[in-house]
Amino acid sequence: MTDTTNAIKRISQVSRKDPLIDLKTLSAIAKSATVHARLRAKMNQATITISKMGT
C-alpha cells in the first residue's frame, strides 16, 4: 500500500535555453540578483560599492 498523503507532484519537463547562452535570461537573472543583494545590504545596514564601466 502506498501513502498518497505525501505524494510528490510531477513537474513536466520543458526544454529550456541554457541561461549562460541565452543573454536575455542571463541579464534578467543578474538584475534580480543585484536588486536582492542591494535590498539585503540595506536591511543589514552594510555599505555598497558599485562599479560602472569597469572602474
Protein backbone atom coordinates (compact mmCIF):
# COMPACT_ATOMS: atom_id res chain seq x y z
CA MET A 1 0.00 0.00 0.00
CA THR A 2 1.33 3.45 -0.88
CA ASP A 3 0.94 6.61 1.13
CA THR A 4 -0.92 9.15 -1.03
CA THR A 5 -0.73 11.98 1.51
CA ASN A 6 2.98 12.51 0.82
CA ALA A 7 2.76 12.20 -2.94
CA ILE A 8 5.24 14.34 -4.84
CA LYS A 9 3.79 16.32 -7.70
CA ARG A 10 5.44 15.67 -11.01
CA ILE A 11 6.70 18.65 -12.91
CA SER A 12 6.55 18.48 -16.68
CA GLN A 13 9.95 18.68 -18.26
CA VAL A 14 10.14 21.59 -20.65
CA SER A 15 13.17 22.26 -22.77
CA ARG A 16 14.75 25.46 -21.58
CA LYS A 17 17.51 27.53 -23.01
CA ASP A 18 20.81 27.44 -21.14
CA PRO A 19 20.88 30.75 -19.18
CA LEU A 20 24.61 31.10 -19.82
CA ILE A 21 23.98 31.10 -23.57
CA ASP A 22 20.64 32.95 -23.61
CA LEU A 23 21.74 36.52 -22.82
CA LYS A 24 18.21 37.78 -22.16
CA THR A 25 17.70 35.20 -19.41
CA LEU A 26 21.19 35.77 -18.01
CA SER A 27 20.55 39.52 -17.90
CA ALA A 28 17.26 39.01 -16.04
CA ILE A 29 18.94 36.70 -13.51
CA ALA A 30 21.76 39.21 -12.93
CA LYS A 31 19.33 42.11 -12.49
CA SER A 32 17.22 40.15 -10.00
CA ALA A 33 20.31 39.09 -8.04
CA THR A 34 21.56 42.69 -7.92
CA VAL A 35 18.23 44.02 -6.66
CA HIS A 36 18.03 41.37 -3.94
CA ALA A 37 21.65 41.92 -2.89
CA ARG A 38 21.07 45.68 -2.59
CA LEU A 39 17.91 45.15 -0.52
CA ARG A 40 19.66 42.70 1.83
CA ALA A 41 22.63 45.04 2.23
CA LYS A 42 20.29 47.93 3.00
CA MET A 43 18.37 45.86 5.58
CA ASN A 44 21.66 44.90 7.25
CA GLN A 45 22.99 48.47 7.06
CA ALA A 46 26.00 47.33 5.05
CA THR A 47 27.92 49.56 2.67
CA ILE A 48 27.58 49.00 -1.06
CA THR A 49 30.28 49.55 -3.68
CA ILE A 50 29.07 49.79 -7.26
CA SER A 51 31.44 49.59 -10.21
CA LYS A 52 30.39 51.12 -13.51
CA MET A 53 32.15 50.62 -16.82
CA GLY A 54 34.93 48.62 -15.17
CA THR A 55 36.13 51.46 -12.95
